[in-house]
C-alpha atoms as a PDB file:
ATOM      1  CA  MET A   1       5.417  -7.275  12.925  1.00  0.00           C
ATOM      2  CA  GLN A   2       6.251  -6.801   9.729  1.00  0.00           C
ATOM      3  CA  LEU A   3       2.768  -7.339   8.976  1.00  0.00           C
ATOM      4  CA  ARG A   4       1.900  -4.493  10.900  1.00  0.00           C
ATOM      5  CA  LEU A   5       4.281  -2.332   8.278  1.00  0.00           C
ATOM      6  CA  VAL A   6       2.128  -2.985   5.305  1.00  0.00           C
ATOM      7  CA  ALA A   7      -1.056  -3.466   6.934  1.00  0.00           C
ATOM      8  CA  THR A   8      -0.805   0.303   8.681  1.00  0.00           C
ATOM      9  CA  ALA A   9       0.054   1.387   5.425  1.00  0.00           C
ATOM     10  CA  LEU A  10      -2.721   0.495   3.476  1.00  0.00           C
ATOM     11  CA  THR A  11      -5.179   0.971   6.283  1.00  0.00           C
ATOM     12  CA  VAL A  12      -4.511   4.016   5.992  1.00  0.00           C
ATOM     13  CA  CYS A  13      -5.718   4.351   2.766  1.00  0.00           C
ATOM     14  CA  ALA A  14      -9.168   3.576   3.945  1.00  0.00           C
ATOM     15  CA  GLY A  15      -8.971   6.528   6.534  1.00  0.00           C
ATOM     16  CA  LEU A  16      -6.990   9.207   5.074  1.00  0.00           C
ATOM     17  CA  ALA A  17      -9.089  12.475   4.966  1.00  0.00           C
ATOM     18  CA  GLY A  18      -6.261  14.405   2.737  1.00  0.00           C
ATOM     19  CA  GLY A  19      -6.794  18.143   0.711  1.00  0.00           C
ATOM     20  CA  SER A  20      -7.009  16.229  -2.433  1.00  0.00           C
ATOM     21  CA  ALA A  21      -9.981  15.124  -4.586  1.00  0.00           C
ATOM     22  CA  ARG A  22     -10.599  11.252  -4.283  1.00  0.00           C
ATOM     23  CA  ALA A  23     -12.134   9.061  -7.154  1.00  0.00           C
ATOM     24  CA  ALA A  24     -15.484   7.648  -6.354  1.00  0.00           C
ATOM     25  CA  VAL A  25     -14.759   4.100  -5.488  1.00  0.00           C
ATOM     26  CA  THR A  26     -16.885   1.624  -8.119  1.00  0.00           C
ATOM     27  CA  GLU A  27     -17.434  -1.997  -8.170  1.00  0.00           C
ATOM     28  CA  ASP A  28     -15.222  -1.566 -11.705  1.00  0.00           C
ATOM     29  CA  SER A  29     -12.042  -0.566  -8.890  1.00  0.00           C
ATOM     30  CA  PHE A  30     -12.592  -4.150  -7.381  1.00  0.00           C
ATOM     31  CA  LEU A  31     -10.989  -5.406 -10.260  1.00  0.00           C
ATOM     32  CA  LEU A  32      -7.627  -3.703  -9.349  1.00  0.00           C
ATOM     33  CA  ARG A  33      -6.322  -3.679 -12.442  1.00  0.00           C
ATOM     34  CA  ASN A  34      -3.348  -1.644 -10.831  1.00  0.00           C
ATOM     35  CA  THR A  35      -2.476   0.603  -8.419  1.00  0.00           C
ATOM     36  CA  GLY A  36      -4.288   3.634  -8.692  1.00  0.00           C
ATOM     37  CA  ASP A  37      -8.096   1.159  -8.060  1.00  0.00           C
ATOM     38  CA  LEU A  38      -6.082   0.392  -4.197  1.00  0.00           C
ATOM     39  CA  VAL A  39      -4.931   3.802  -3.528  1.00  0.00           C
ATOM     40  CA  ASP A  40      -8.725   4.676  -4.758  1.00  0.00           C
ATOM     41  CA  LEU A  41     -10.042   2.076  -2.938  1.00  0.00           C
ATOM     42  CA  CYS A  42      -7.724   2.902  -0.170  1.00  0.00           C
ATOM     43  CA  ALA A  43      -8.683   6.429   0.715  1.00  0.00           C
ATOM     44  CA  ALA A  44     -12.240   5.684   0.249  1.00  0.00           C
ATOM     45  CA  PRO A  45     -13.554   8.723   2.247  1.00  0.00           C
ATOM     46  CA  GLN A  46     -16.504   6.948   5.273  1.00  0.00           C
ATOM     47  CA  SER A  47     -19.102   8.946   3.047  1.00  0.00           C
ATOM     48  CA  ASP A  48     -18.888   6.964  -0.186  1.00  0.00           C
ATOM     49  CA  ARG A  49     -21.483   4.617   0.072  1.00  0.00           C
ATOM     50  CA  LEU A  50     -18.862   1.231  -0.756  1.00  0.00           C
ATOM     51  CA  TYR A  51     -16.284   2.153   1.577  1.00  0.00           C
ATOM     52  CA  THR A  52     -16.637  -0.978   3.819  1.00  0.00           C
ATOM     53  CA  ALA A  53     -16.061  -3.131   1.440  1.00  0.00           C
ATOM     54  CA  ALA A  54     -13.078  -0.622  -0.100  1.00  0.00           C
ATOM     55  CA  ALA A  55     -11.415  -0.144   3.149  1.00  0.00           C
ATOM     56  CA  ASN A  56     -11.831  -4.401   3.888  1.00  0.00           C
ATOM     57  CA  PHE A  57     -10.432  -5.093   0.047  1.00  0.00           C
ATOM     58  CA  CYS A  58      -7.406  -2.651   0.944  1.00  0.00           C
ATOM     59  CA  GLN A  59      -6.356  -3.830   3.905  1.00  0.00           C
ATOM     60  CA  GLY A  60      -6.784  -7.341   2.672  1.00  0.00           C
ATOM     61  CA  PHE A  61      -4.404  -7.044  -0.530  1.00  0.00           C
ATOM     62  CA  ALA A  62      -2.216  -4.862   0.809  1.00  0.00           C
ATOM     63  CA  VAL A  63      -1.689  -7.346   3.820  1.00  0.00           C
ATOM     64  CA  GLY A  64      -1.611 -10.564   1.509  1.00  0.00           C
ATOM     65  CA  ALA A  65       1.216  -8.467  -0.702  1.00  0.00           C
ATOM     66  CA  PHE A  66       3.237  -7.535   2.005  1.00  0.00           C
ATOM     67  CA  ARG A  67       2.857 -11.196   3.616  1.00  0.00           C
ATOM     68  CA  VAL A  68       4.331 -13.070   0.009  1.00  0.00           C
ATOM     69  CA  LEU A  69       6.833 -10.287  -0.906  1.00  0.00           C
ATOM     70  CA  HIS A  70       8.217 -10.335   2.602  1.00  0.00           C
ATOM     71  CA  ALA A  71       8.501 -14.156   2.309  1.00  0.00           C
ATOM     72  CA  GLN A  72      10.279 -14.212  -0.597  1.00  0.00           C
ATOM     73  CA  ASP A  73      12.857 -11.268   0.173  1.00  0.00           C
ATOM     74  CA  MET A  74      13.626 -13.385   3.550  1.00  0.00           C
ATOM     75  CA  ALA A  75      14.495 -16.329   0.940  1.00  0.00           C
ATOM     76  CA  ARG A  76      16.630 -13.884  -0.767  1.00  0.00           C
ATOM     77  CA  ARG A  77      18.841 -13.792   2.064  1.00  0.00           C
ATOM     78  CA  SER A  78      20.665 -11.623   0.317  1.00  0.00           C
ATOM     79  CA  ASN A  79      20.447  -7.948  -1.743  1.00  0.00           C
ATOM     80  CA  ARG A  80      16.715  -7.685  -0.284  1.00  0.00           C
ATOM     81  CA  MET A  81      13.957  -5.464  -1.403  1.00  0.00           C
ATOM     82  CA  PHE A  82      13.156  -3.712   1.652  1.00  0.00           C
ATOM     83  CA  CYS A  83      14.157  -3.589   5.077  1.00  0.00           C
ATOM     84  CA  ALA A  84      11.260  -2.594   7.721  1.00  0.00           C
ATOM     85  CA  PRO A  85      12.801   0.112   9.882  1.00  0.00           C
ATOM     86  CA  ASN A  86      12.492  -0.403  13.661  1.00  0.00           C
ATOM     87  CA  PRO A  87      10.273   1.121  15.233  1.00  0.00           C
ATOM     88  CA  GLN A  88       8.223   0.292  12.544  1.00  0.00           C
ATOM     89  CA  PRO A  89       5.542   3.517  11.017  1.00  0.00           C
ATOM     90  CA  THR A  90       1.894   3.056  12.672  1.00  0.00           C
ATOM     91  CA  ARG A  91      -0.376   1.670  10.388  1.00  0.00           C
ATOM     92  CA  ASN A  92      -1.954   5.124   9.232  1.00  0.00           C
ATOM     93  CA  GLU A  93       1.663   6.418   8.461  1.00  0.00           C
ATOM     94  CA  ALA A  94       2.657   3.460   6.057  1.00  0.00           C
ATOM     95  CA  LEU A  95      -0.479   4.385   4.383  1.00  0.00           C
ATOM     96  CA  ALA A  96      -0.149   8.100   3.907  1.00  0.00           C
ATOM     97  CA  SER A  97       3.404   7.173   2.746  1.00  0.00           C
ATOM     98  CA  PHE A  98       2.329   4.309  -0.090  1.00  0.00           C
ATOM     99  CA  GLU A  99      -0.851   7.210  -1.191  1.00  0.00           C
ATOM    100  CA  GLN A 100       1.103   9.777  -1.034  1.00  0.00           C
ATOM    101  CA  TRP A 101       4.041   7.919  -3.149  1.00  0.00           C
ATOM    102  CA  VAL A 102       1.662   7.307  -5.502  1.00  0.00           C
ATOM    103  CA  GLN A 103       0.501  10.684  -6.322  1.00  0.00           C
ATOM    104  CA  ALA A 104       3.476  11.919  -6.401  1.00  0.00           C
ATOM    105  CA  ASP A 105       4.349  10.055  -9.773  1.00  0.00           C
ATOM    106  CA  ALA A 106       1.450   9.458 -12.214  1.00  0.00           C
ATOM    107  CA  GLY A 107       3.059   6.765 -13.425  1.00  0.00           C
ATOM    108  CA  ARG A 108       2.691   4.909 -10.655  1.00  0.00           C
ATOM    109  CA  ARG A 109      -0.646   4.554 -10.489  1.00  0.00           C
ATOM    110  CA  THR A 110      -0.833   2.206 -14.418  1.00  0.00           C
ATOM    111  CA  MET A 111       1.485  -0.207 -12.269  1.00  0.00           C
ATOM    112  CA  PRO A 112      -0.340  -3.864 -11.525  1.00  0.00           C
ATOM    113  CA  ALA A 113      -1.237  -3.489  -8.174  1.00  0.00           C
ATOM    114  CA  VAL A 114       1.411  -5.795  -5.956  1.00  0.00           C
ATOM    115  CA  ASP A 115       4.266  -4.350  -7.848  1.00  0.00           C
ATOM    116  CA  GLY A 116       3.082  -1.044  -6.193  1.00  0.00           C
ATOM    117  CA  VAL A 117       3.118  -2.483  -3.367  1.00  0.00           C
ATOM    118  CA  ALA A 118       6.859  -3.913  -3.630  1.00  0.00           C
ATOM    119  CA  ALA A 119       8.163  -0.626  -5.501  1.00  0.00           C
ATOM    120  CA  PHE A 120       6.526   1.192  -2.611  1.00  0.00           C
ATOM    121  CA  LEU A 121       8.158  -0.642   0.024  1.00  0.00           C
ATOM    122  CA  ALA A 122      11.810  -0.749  -1.913  1.00  0.00           C
ATOM    123  CA  ALA A 123      11.847   2.601  -2.320  1.00  0.00           C
ATOM    124  CA  GLN A 124      10.945   3.624   1.364  1.00  0.00           C
ATOM    125  CA  TYR A 125      12.162   1.312   3.107  1.00  0.00           C
ATOM    126  CA  PRO A 126      16.064   0.437   1.432  1.00  0.00           C
ATOM    127  CA  CYS A 127      17.922  -2.436   3.158  1.00  0.00           C
ATOM    128  CA  PRO A 128      21.273  -0.896   3.872  1.00  0.00           C
ATOM    129  CA  ARG A 129      24.227  -2.133   1.708  1.00  0.00           C
ATOM    130  CA  GLY A 130      24.862  -6.470   2.317  1.00  0.00           C
ATOM    131  CA  ARG A 131      21.573  -7.056   4.129  1.00  0.00           C
END
């Protein structure tokens, strides 16, 4: 179930059709130099020639990053980085939130991609004190 949170969040990027302009996906986007590249891949429109690859990459990266971060977090047992809400958001809701979170602060686009996912999870889903 915890996978649903990030997979949901990052899959949304693949299907978002929000009102903001999207950067064109290029082969260089797949180098994933930063969180901005991840958001660009996740938000690729279906009309983009690299849409299928971008959507698959986005979802795969998101699930992998979430699993690693969640496993590390669970090993801590206290002072956890994030706590998934119950019920968890849908994939589309989580990904839409991730994109909005990144767009709210241009500096977030320059973070390493996995750090962007971790920072989003910590900001969006903080744990109650003592967890």
